Protein backbone atom coordinates (compact mmCIF):
# COMPACT_ATOMS: atom_id res chain seq x y z
CA UNK A 1 0.57 -18.79 4.66
CA UNK A 2 1.95 -15.88 6.95
CA UNK A 3 1.47 -15.76 10.88
CA UNK A 4 0.04 -13.03 11.49
CA UNK A 5 -0.05 -12.98 15.93
CA UNK A 6 2.38 -10.72 16.07
CA UNK A 7 1.47 -8.20 13.94
CA UNK A 8 -1.00 -5.88 15.69
CA UNK A 9 -3.66 -4.63 13.52
CA UNK A 10 -6.25 -3.25 16.16
CA UNK A 11 -5.59 0.23 14.91
CA UNK A 12 -6.23 -0.27 11.70
CA UNK A 13 -10.05 1.06 10.33
CA UNK A 14 -11.32 -0.16 7.02
CA UNK A 15 -11.18 4.06 6.42
CA UNK A 16 -7.60 3.44 6.13
CA UNK A 17 -8.17 2.13 3.35
CA UNK A 18 -10.80 4.54 1.42
CA UNK A 19 -9.02 7.05 -1.29
CA UNK A 20 -10.40 10.22 -0.21
CA UNK A 21 -12.54 11.91 -2.96
CA UNK A 22 -11.85 15.42 -4.59
CA UNK A 23 -15.07 17.75 -5.87
CA UNK A 24 -13.78 18.51 -9.30
CA UNK A 25 -14.39 21.72 -10.88
CA UNK A 26 -14.98 22.06 -14.15
CA UNK A 27 -11.91 23.75 -16.30
CA UNK A 28 -10.91 25.85 -18.73
CA UNK A 29 -9.06 25.36 -21.52
CA UNK A 30 -5.76 27.06 -19.93
CA UNK A 31 -5.97 25.16 -16.71
CA UNK A 32 -6.64 21.82 -18.83
CA UNK A 33 -3.52 21.64 -20.32
CA UNK A 34 -1.88 22.78 -16.52
CA UNK A 35 -0.01 19.58 -15.42
CA UNK A 36 1.11 20.44 -12.06
CA UNK A 37 -0.20 17.68 -9.27
CA UNK A 38 -0.35 18.65 -5.70
CA UNK A 39 1.43 16.21 -3.84
CA UNK A 40 -0.48 15.41 0.11
CA UNK A 41 1.93 14.27 2.52
CA UNK A 42 0.60 11.66 5.01
CA UNK A 43 0.30 12.50 8.73
CA UNK A 44 2.85 11.31 11.28
CA UNK A 45 0.73 9.36 12.85
CA UNK A 46 -0.16 7.50 9.97
CA UNK A 47 3.87 6.75 8.71
CA UNK A 48 4.30 5.40 12.84
CA UNK A 49 1.10 2.97 12.14
CA UNK A 50 2.71 1.60 8.83
CA UNK A 51 6.29 1.32 10.08
CA UNK A 52 4.80 -0.59 13.16
CA UNK A 53 2.85 -2.99 10.58
CA UNK A 54 5.35 -3.39 8.07
CA UNK A 55 8.24 -4.11 10.92
CA UNK A 56 6.12 -6.83 12.50
CA UNK A 57 5.70 -8.13 9.10
CA UNK A 58 8.46 -8.26 7.73
CA UNK A 59 9.71 -10.06 10.74
CA UNK A 60 7.07 -12.35 10.03
CA UNK A 61 8.06 -13.08 6.00
CA UNK A 62 11.91 -13.67 7.38
CA UNK A 63 11.14 -16.51 9.92
CA UNK A 64 9.50 -18.97 6.77
CA UNK A 65 12.25 -20.00 4.41
CA UNK A 66 11.93 -18.93 1.36
CA UNK A 67 9.00 -17.03 1.45
CA UNK A 68 10.99 -13.53 1.06
CA UNK A 69 12.07 -15.04 -2.08
CA UNK A 70 8.79 -16.14 -3.00
CA UNK A 71 7.21 -12.81 -2.51
CA UNK A 72 10.14 -10.84 -4.46
CA UNK A 73 9.24 -12.94 -7.51
CA UNK A 74 8.02 -11.61 -11.22
CA UNK A 75 5.10 -13.24 -12.01
CA UNK A 76 3.61 -14.28 -15.31
CA UNK A 77 1.81 -16.60 -17.55
CA UNK A 78 2.81 -18.44 -20.52
CA UNK A 79 0.43 -19.87 -22.89
CA UNK A 80 -1.06 -22.92 -21.58
CA UNK A 81 -1.00 -21.82 -18.24
CA UNK A 82 -4.58 -21.61 -17.57
């Protein structure tokens, strides 16, 4: 388990993790085959908040012995593992 005592998550809300819904419109044949996607940039405040949480969380992970290697390991199941 990771000790999250040093991680300040007071500024995070459930709505921060919700996906923004985009209204869909009916496309014509020509628009259907266009593969251009629009990338939306994250607001600067969201990036700053993510950096603060990440630095505190990584510091907590590094304090626990071998946890960094455990979280980075690949996971897989084979026959009869269930």
